[in-house]
PDB file of all heavy atoms in Angstrom:
ATOM      1  N   ARG A   1      42.557  56.294 183.751  1.00  0.00           N
ATOM      2  CA  ARG A   1      41.395  56.840 183.052  1.00  0.00           C
ATOM      3  C   ARG A   1      40.542  55.741 182.431  1.00  0.00           C
ATOM      4  O   ARG A   1      39.472  56.013 181.893  1.00  0.00           O
ATOM      5  CB  ARG A   1      41.867  57.834 181.996  1.00  0.00           C
ATOM      6  CG  ARG A   1      42.655  58.992 182.602  1.00  0.00           C
ATOM      7  CD  ARG A   1      43.172  59.954 181.565  1.00  0.00           C
ATOM      8  NE  ARG A   1      42.087  60.623 180.870  1.00  0.00           N
ATOM      9  CZ  ARG A   1      42.274  61.574 179.970  1.00  0.00           C
ATOM     10  NH1 ARG A   1      43.512  61.955 179.676  1.00  0.00           N
ATOM     11  NH2 ARG A   1      41.262  62.144 179.374  1.00  0.00           N
ATOM     12  N   ASP A   2      41.023  54.490 182.469  1.00  0.00           N
ATOM     13  CA  ASP A   2      40.255  53.328 182.011  1.00  0.00           C
ATOM     14  C   ASP A   2      39.809  53.449 180.553  1.00  0.00           C
ATOM     15  O   ASP A   2      38.679  53.103 180.208  1.00  0.00           O
ATOM     16  CB  ASP A   2      39.034  53.118 182.931  1.00  0.00           C
ATOM     17  CG  ASP A   2      38.472  51.695 182.823  1.00  0.00           C
ATOM     18  OD1 ASP A   2      39.245  50.790 182.435  1.00  0.00           O
ATOM     19  OD2 ASP A   2      37.286  51.504 183.098  1.00  0.00           O
ATOM     20  N   ARG A   3      40.713  53.932 179.711  1.00  0.00           N
ATOM     21  CA  ARG A   3      40.470  53.988 178.263  1.00  0.00           C
ATOM     22  C   ARG A   3      41.689  53.355 177.581  1.00  0.00           C
ATOM     23  O   ARG A   3      42.468  54.012 176.917  1.00  0.00           O
ATOM     24  CB  ARG A   3      40.263  55.425 177.792  1.00  0.00           C
ATOM     25  CG  ARG A   3      38.945  56.046 178.250  1.00  0.00           C
ATOM     26  CD  ARG A   3      38.909  57.542 178.011  1.00  0.00           C
ATOM     27  NE  ARG A   3      39.211  57.893 176.627  1.00  0.00           N
ATOM     28  CZ  ARG A   3      39.504  59.136 176.222  1.00  0.00           C
ATOM     29  NH1 ARG A   3      39.569  60.123 177.117  1.00  0.00           N
ATOM     30  NH2 ARG A   3      39.751  59.386 174.964  1.00  0.00           N
ATOM     31  N   LEU A   4      41.824  52.048 177.768  1.00  0.00           N
ATOM     32  CA  LEU A   4      43.028  51.351 177.337  1.00  0.00           C
ATOM     33  C   LEU A   4      43.175  51.363 175.823  1.00  0.00           C
ATOM     34  O   LEU A   4      42.223  51.141 175.081  1.00  0.00           O
ATOM     35  CB  LEU A   4      42.993  49.903 177.835  1.00  0.00           C
ATOM     36  CG  LEU A   4      44.242  49.057 177.534  1.00  0.00           C
ATOM     37  CD1 LEU A   4      45.445  49.616 178.270  1.00  0.00           C
ATOM     38  CD2 LEU A   4      43.997  47.602 177.926  1.00  0.00           C
ATOM     39  N   GLY A   5      44.403  51.608 175.376  1.00  0.00           N
ATOM     40  CA  GLY A   5      44.754  51.536 173.966  1.00  0.00           C
ATOM     41  C   GLY A   5      46.061  50.780 173.828  1.00  0.00           C
ATOM     42  O   GLY A   5      46.717  50.438 174.819  1.00  0.00           O
ATOM     43  N   GLU A   6      46.459  50.540 172.582  1.00  0.00           N
ATOM     44  CA  GLU A   6      47.623  49.683 172.357  1.00  0.00           C
ATOM     45  C   GLU A   6      48.915  50.286 172.881  1.00  0.00           C
ATOM     46  O   GLU A   6      49.785  49.549 173.363  1.00  0.00           O
ATOM     47  CB  GLU A   6      47.781  49.349 170.867  1.00  0.00           C
ATOM     48  CG  GLU A   6      48.049  50.524 169.960  1.00  0.00           C
ATOM     49  CD  GLU A   6      48.370  50.072 168.533  1.00  0.00           C
ATOM     50  OE1 GLU A   6      49.402  49.383 168.350  1.00  0.00           O
ATOM     51  OE2 GLU A   6      47.607  50.412 167.626  1.00  0.00           O
ATOM     52  N   PHE A   7      49.070  51.605 172.833  1.00  0.00           N
ATOM     53  CA  PHE A   7      50.323  52.189 173.315  1.00  0.00           C
ATOM     54  C   PHE A   7      50.418  52.102 174.836  1.00  0.00           C
ATOM     55  O   PHE A   7      51.500  51.890 175.388  1.00  0.00           O
ATOM     56  CB  PHE A   7      50.462  53.633 172.834  1.00  0.00           C
ATOM     57  CG  PHE A   7      50.631  53.764 171.352  1.00  0.00           C
ATOM     58  CD1 PHE A   7      49.751  54.511 170.584  1.00  0.00           C
ATOM     59  CD2 PHE A   7      51.664  53.097 170.701  1.00  0.00           C
ATOM     60  CE1 PHE A   7      49.906  54.609 169.214  1.00  0.00           C
ATOM     61  CE2 PHE A   7      51.828  53.189 169.331  1.00  0.00           C
ATOM     62  CZ  PHE A   7      50.939  53.951 168.575  1.00  0.00           C
ATOM     63  N   GLN A   8      49.296  52.261 175.521  1.00  0.00           N
ATOM     64  CA  GLN A   8      49.310  52.082 176.974  1.00  0.00           C
ATOM     65  C   GLN A   8      49.657  50.636 177.336  1.00  0.00           C
ATOM     66  O   GLN A   8      50.424  50.389 178.269  1.00  0.00           O
ATOM     67  CB  GLN A   8      47.947  52.441 177.554  1.00  0.00           C
ATOM     68  CG  GLN A   8      47.569  53.905 177.407  1.00  0.00           C
ATOM     69  CD  GLN A   8      46.109  54.122 177.749  1.00  0.00           C
ATOM     70  OE1 GLN A   8      45.723  54.065 178.915  1.00  0.00           O
ATOM     71  NE2 GLN A   8      45.285  54.352 176.739  1.00  0.00           N
ATOM     72  N   ALA A   9      49.101  49.680 176.588  1.00  0.00           N
ATOM     73  CA  ALA A   9      49.392  48.265 176.873  1.00  0.00           C
ATOM     74  C   ALA A   9      50.859  47.944 176.607  1.00  0.00           C
ATOM     75  O   ALA A   9      51.508  47.231 177.387  1.00  0.00           O
ATOM     76  CB  ALA A   9      48.485  47.369 176.031  1.00  0.00           C
ATOM     77  N   GLN A  10      51.415  48.477 175.509  1.00  0.00           N
ATOM     78  CA  GLN A  10      52.840  48.261 175.236  1.00  0.00           C
ATOM     79  C   GLN A  10      53.699  48.894 176.323  1.00  0.00           C
ATOM     80  O   GLN A  10      54.721  48.325 176.730  1.00  0.00           O
ATOM     81  CB  GLN A  10      53.204  48.852 173.879  1.00  0.00           C
ATOM     82  CG  GLN A  10      52.703  48.057 172.691  1.00  0.00           C
ATOM     83  CD  GLN A  10      53.312  48.560 171.396  1.00  0.00           C
ATOM     84  OE1 GLN A  10      54.529  48.610 171.230  1.00  0.00           O
ATOM     85  NE2 GLN A  10      52.467  48.957 170.472  1.00  0.00           N
ATOM     86  N   ALA A  11      53.298  50.077 176.778  1.00  0.00           N
ATOM     87  CA  ALA A  11      54.057  50.750 177.832  1.00  0.00           C
ATOM     88  C   ALA A  11      53.999  49.942 179.128  1.00  0.00           C
ATOM     89  O   ALA A  11      54.979  49.901 179.890  1.00  0.00           O
ATOM     90  CB  ALA A  11      53.514  52.164 178.057  1.00  0.00           C
ATOM     91  N   ALA A  12      52.869  49.285 179.382  1.00  0.00           N
ATOM     92  CA  ALA A  12      52.760  48.457 180.587  1.00  0.00           C
ATOM     93  C   ALA A  12      53.742  47.297 180.538  1.00  0.00           C
ATOM     94  O   ALA A  12      54.359  46.943 181.553  1.00  0.00           O
ATOM     95  CB  ALA A  12      51.327  47.938 180.730  1.00  0.00           C
ATOM     96  N   VAL A  13      53.926  46.696 179.356  1.00  0.00           N
ATOM     97  CA  VAL A  13      54.925  45.628 179.208  1.00  0.00           C
ATOM     98  C   VAL A  13      56.320  46.180 179.491  1.00  0.00           C
ATOM     99  O   VAL A  13      57.113  45.579 180.232  1.00  0.00           O
ATOM    100  CB  VAL A  13      54.862  45.016 177.793  1.00  0.00           C
ATOM    101  CG1 VAL A  13      56.035  44.061 177.571  1.00  0.00           C
ATOM    102  CG2 VAL A  13      53.539  44.287 177.583  1.00  0.00           C
ATOM    103  N   ALA A  14      56.628  47.336 178.905  1.00  0.00           N
ATOM    104  CA  ALA A  14      57.945  47.951 179.115  1.00  0.00           C
ATOM    105  C   ALA A  14      58.167  48.300 180.577  1.00  0.00           C
ATOM    106  O   ALA A  14      59.274  48.160 181.104  1.00  0.00           O
ATOM    107  CB  ALA A  14      58.079  49.207 178.241  1.00  0.00           C
ATOM    108  N   ALA A  15      57.099  48.743 181.265  1.00  0.00           N
ATOM    109  CA  ALA A  15      57.223  49.101 182.682  1.00  0.00           C
ATOM    110  C   ALA A  15      57.516  47.869 183.537  1.00  0.00           C
ATOM    111  O   ALA A  15      58.279  47.941 184.507  1.00  0.00           O
ATOM    112  CB  ALA A  15      55.944  49.783 183.156  1.00  0.00           C
ATOM    113  N   LEU A  16      56.920  46.731 183.183  1.00  0.00           N
ATOM    114  CA  LEU A  16      57.194  45.505 183.936  1.00  0.00           C
ATOM    115  C   LEU A  16      58.648  45.069 183.767  1.00  0.00           C
ATOM    116  O   LEU A  16      59.275  44.590 184.720  1.00  0.00           O
ATOM    117  CB  LEU A  16      56.245  44.391 183.487  1.00  0.00           C
ATOM    118  CG  LEU A  16      54.802  44.534 183.989  1.00  0.00           C
ATOM    119  CD1 LEU A  16      53.875  43.587 183.245  1.00  0.00           C
ATOM    120  CD2 LEU A  16      54.730  44.277 185.491  1.00  0.00           C
ATOM    121  N   HIS A  17      59.196  45.227 182.574  1.00  0.00           N
ATOM    122  CA  HIS A  17      60.624  44.938 182.377  1.00  0.00           C
ATOM    123  C   HIS A  17      61.475  45.906 183.203  1.00  0.00           C
ATOM    124  O   HIS A  17      62.460  45.500 183.835  1.00  0.00           O
ATOM    125  CB  HIS A  17      60.991  45.060 180.899  1.00  0.00           C
ATOM    126  CG  HIS A  17      60.554  43.895 180.062  1.00  0.00           C
ATOM    127  ND1 HIS A  17      61.016  42.615 180.281  1.00  0.00           N
ATOM    128  CD2 HIS A  17      59.714  43.824 178.998  1.00  0.00           C
ATOM    129  CE1 HIS A  17      60.470  41.795 179.401  1.00  0.00           C
ATOM    130  NE2 HIS A  17      59.681  42.494 178.605  1.00  0.00           N
ATOM    131  N   ALA A  18      61.100  47.186 183.197  1.00  0.00           N
ATOM    132  CA  ALA A  18      61.879  48.197 183.914  1.00  0.00           C
ATOM    133  C   ALA A  18      61.811  47.996 185.418  1.00  0.00           C
ATOM    134  O   ALA A  18      62.751  48.341 186.151  1.00  0.00           O
ATOM    135  CB  ALA A  18      61.381  49.596 183.551  1.00  0.00           C
ATOM    136  N   ASP A  19      60.712  47.427 185.892  1.00  0.00           N
ATOM    137  CA  ASP A  19      60.498  47.263 187.332  1.00  0.00           C
ATOM    138  C   ASP A  19      61.276  46.076 187.906  1.00  0.00           C
ATOM    139  O   ASP A  19      61.510  46.016 189.115  1.00  0.00           O
ATOM    140  CB  ASP A  19      58.995  47.075 187.595  1.00  0.00           C
ATOM    141  CG  ASP A  19      58.667  47.057 189.079  1.00  0.00           C
ATOM    142  OD1 ASP A  19      59.041  48.016 189.775  1.00  0.00           O
ATOM    143  OD2 ASP A  19      58.057  46.072 189.540  1.00  0.00           O
ATOM    144  N   ALA A  20      61.681  45.124 187.059  1.00  0.00           N
ATOM    145  CA  ALA A  20      62.355  43.915 187.544  1.00  0.00           C
ATOM    146  C   ALA A  20      63.813  44.224 187.897  1.00  0.00           C
ATOM    147  O   ALA A  20      64.564  44.688 187.038  1.00  0.00           O
ATOM    148  CB  ALA A  20      62.292  42.822 186.489  1.00  0.00           C
ATOM    149  N   PRO A  21      64.242  43.968 189.131  1.00  0.00           N
ATOM    150  CA  PRO A  21      65.647  44.234 189.500  1.00  0.00           C
ATOM    151  C   PRO A  21      66.629  43.403 188.673  1.00  0.00           C
ATOM    152  O   PRO A  21      67.731  43.853 188.371  1.00  0.00           O
ATOM    153  CB  PRO A  21      65.708  43.853 190.975  1.00  0.00           C
ATOM    154  CG  PRO A  21      64.289  43.881 191.452  1.00  0.00           C
ATOM    155  CD  PRO A  21      63.454  43.485 190.273  1.00  0.00           C
ATOM    156  N   THR A  22      66.229  42.189 188.318  1.00  0.00           N
ATOM    157  CA  THR A  22      67.047  41.318 187.479  1.00  0.00           C
ATOM    158  C   THR A  22      66.142  40.671 186.438  1.00  0.00           C
ATOM    159  O   THR A  22      64.917  40.626 186.597  1.00  0.00           O
ATOM    160  CB  THR A  22      67.732  40.203 188.306  1.00  0.00           C
ATOM    161  OG1 THR A  22      66.715  39.325 188.812  1.00  0.00           O
ATOM    162  CG2 THR A  22      68.551  40.783 189.444  1.00  0.00           C
ATOM    163  N   ALA A  23      66.767  40.121 185.384  1.00  0.00           N
ATOM    164  CA  ALA A  23      65.973  39.449 184.347  1.00  0.00           C
ATOM    165  C   ALA A  23      65.187  38.282 184.919  1.00  0.00           C
ATOM    166  O   ALA A  23      64.032  38.034 184.536  1.00  0.00           O
ATOM    167  CB  ALA A  23      66.896  38.964 183.225  1.00  0.00           C
ATOM    168  N   GLY A  24      65.783  37.566 185.888  1.00  0.00           N
ATOM    169  CA  GLY A  24      65.119  36.414 186.480  1.00  0.00           C
ATOM    170  C   GLY A  24      63.908  36.768 187.314  1.00  0.00           C
ATOM    171  O   GLY A  24      63.076  35.897 187.591  1.00  0.00           O
ATOM    172  N   GLU A  25      63.791  38.027 187.714  1.00  0.00           N
ATOM    173  CA  GLU A  25      62.646  38.450 188.534  1.00  0.00           C
ATOM    174  C   GLU A  25      61.541  39.107 187.711  1.00  0.00           C
ATOM    175  O   GLU A  25      60.591  39.654 188.270  1.00  0.00           O
ATOM    176  CB  GLU A  25      63.131  39.418 189.618  1.00  0.00           C
ATOM    177  CG  GLU A  25      64.096  38.796 190.616  1.00  0.00           C
ATOM    178  CD  GLU A  25      64.710  39.819 191.559  1.00  0.00           C
ATOM    179  OE1 GLU A  25      64.079  40.107 192.597  1.00  0.00           O
ATOM    180  OE2 GLU A  25      65.801  40.333 191.254  1.00  0.00           O
ATOM    181  N   THR A  26      61.650  39.038 186.395  1.00  0.00           N
ATOM    182  CA  THR A  26      60.627  39.622 185.533  1.00  0.00           C
ATOM    183  C   THR A  26      59.291  38.901 185.718  1.00  0.00           C
ATOM    184  O   THR A  26      59.238  37.674 185.757  1.00  0.00           O
ATOM    185  CB  THR A  26      61.047  39.523 184.051  1.00  0.00           C
ATOM    186  OG1 THR A  26      62.324  40.141 183.891  1.00  0.00           O
ATOM    187  CG2 THR A  26      60.035  40.215 183.145  1.00  0.00           C
ATOM    188  N   ASP A  27      58.213  39.663 185.820  1.00  0.00           N
ATOM    189  CA  ASP A  27      56.878  39.095 186.022  1.00  0.00           C
ATOM    190  C   ASP A  27      56.294  38.714 184.649  1.00  0.00           C
ATOM    191  O   ASP A  27      55.474  39.428 184.074  1.00  0.00           O
ATOM    192  CB  ASP A  27      55.970  40.101 186.728  1.00  0.00           C
ATOM    193  CG  ASP A  27      54.637  39.492 187.165  1.00  0.00           C
ATOM    194  OD1 ASP A  27      54.288  38.398 186.661  1.00  0.00           O
ATOM    195  OD2 ASP A  27      53.959  40.108 188.003  1.00  0.00           O
ATOM    196  N   TRP A  28      56.721  37.541 184.134  1.00  0.00           N
ATOM    197  CA  TRP A  28      56.307  37.131 182.798  1.00  0.00           C
ATOM    198  C   TRP A  28      54.823  36.795 182.736  1.00  0.00           C
ATOM    199  O   TRP A  28      54.193  36.944 181.671  1.00  0.00           O
ATOM    200  CB  TRP A  28      57.142  35.935 182.341  1.00  0.00           C
ATOM    201  CG  TRP A  28      58.543  36.329 181.971  1.00  0.00           C
ATOM    202  CD1 TRP A  28      59.678  36.097 182.685  1.00  0.00           C
ATOM    203  CD2 TRP A  28      58.939  37.048 180.804  1.00  0.00           C
ATOM    204  NE1 TRP A  28      60.770  36.623 182.027  1.00  0.00           N
ATOM    205  CE2 TRP A  28      60.342  37.206 180.870  1.00  0.00           C
ATOM    206  CE3 TRP A  28      58.256  37.567 179.703  1.00  0.00           C
ATOM    207  CZ2 TRP A  28      61.069  37.873 179.882  1.00  0.00           C
ATOM    208  CZ3 TRP A  28      58.968  38.237 178.716  1.00  0.00           C
ATOM    209  CH2 TRP A  28      60.364  38.378 178.813  1.00  0.00           C
ATOM    210  N   VAL A  29      54.238  36.356 183.823  1.00  0.00           N
ATOM    211  CA  VAL A  29      52.801  36.043 183.809  1.00  0.00           C
ATOM    212  C   VAL A  29      51.991  37.302 183.517  1.00  0.00           C
ATOM    213  O   VAL A  29      51.072  37.299 182.681  1.00  0.00           O
ATOM    214  CB  VAL A  29      52.373  35.418 185.152  1.00  0.00           C
ATOM    215  CG1 VAL A  29      50.855  35.249 185.207  1.00  0.00           C
ATOM    216  CG2 VAL A  29      53.057  34.062 185.344  1.00  0.00           C
ATOM    217  N   GLN A  30      52.341  38.395 184.196  1.00  0.00           N
ATOM    218  CA  GLN A  30      51.656  39.664 183.923  1.00  0.00           C
ATOM    219  C   GLN A  30      51.922  40.141 182.503  1.00  0.00           C
ATOM    220  O   GLN A  30      51.035  40.706 181.853  1.00  0.00           O
ATOM    221  CB  GLN A  30      52.111  40.734 184.925  1.00  0.00           C
ATOM    222  CG  GLN A  30      51.110  41.011 186.021  1.00  0.00           C
ATOM    223  CD  GLN A  30      51.298  42.389 186.624  1.00  0.00           C
ATOM    224  OE1 GLN A  30      50.720  43.366 186.149  1.00  0.00           O
ATOM    225  NE2 GLN A  30      52.127  42.460 187.651  1.00  0.00           N
ATOM    226  N   ILE A  31      53.144  39.936 182.009  1.00  0.00           N
ATOM    227  CA  ILE A  31      53.468  40.369 180.655  1.00  0.00           C
ATOM    228  C   ILE A  31      52.621  39.612 179.635  1.00  0.00           C
ATOM    229  O   ILE A  31      52.116  40.204 178.662  1.00  0.00           O
ATOM    230  CB  ILE A  31      54.976  40.191 180.385  1.00  0.00           C
ATOM    231  CG1 ILE A  31      55.777  41.241 181.171  1.00  0.00           C
ATOM    232  CG2 ILE A  31      55.290  40.301 178.888  1.00  0.00           C
ATOM    233  CD1 ILE A  31      57.277  41.102 181.073  1.00  0.00           C
ATOM    234  N   VAL A  32      52.425  38.314 179.853  1.00  0.00           N
ATOM    235  CA  VAL A  32      51.549  37.539 178.957  1.00  0.00           C
ATOM    236  C   VAL A  32      50.138  38.126 178.982  1.00  0.00           C
ATOM    237  O   VAL A  32      49.480  38.254 177.929  1.00  0.00           O
ATOM    238  CB  VAL A  32      51.527  36.054 179.353  1.00  0.00           C
ATOM    239  CG1 VAL A  32      50.445  35.301 178.566  1.00  0.00           C
ATOM    240  CG2 VAL A  32      52.883  35.411 179.104  1.00  0.00           C
TER     241      VAL A  32
END
């Protein structure tokens, strides 16, 4: 919906952690 707020951004960080099969495969660049 392109109406970004802080909870959506925090959820995006959590989703990137959840998406990584292992800790070493976490996409830290996107998280930054």
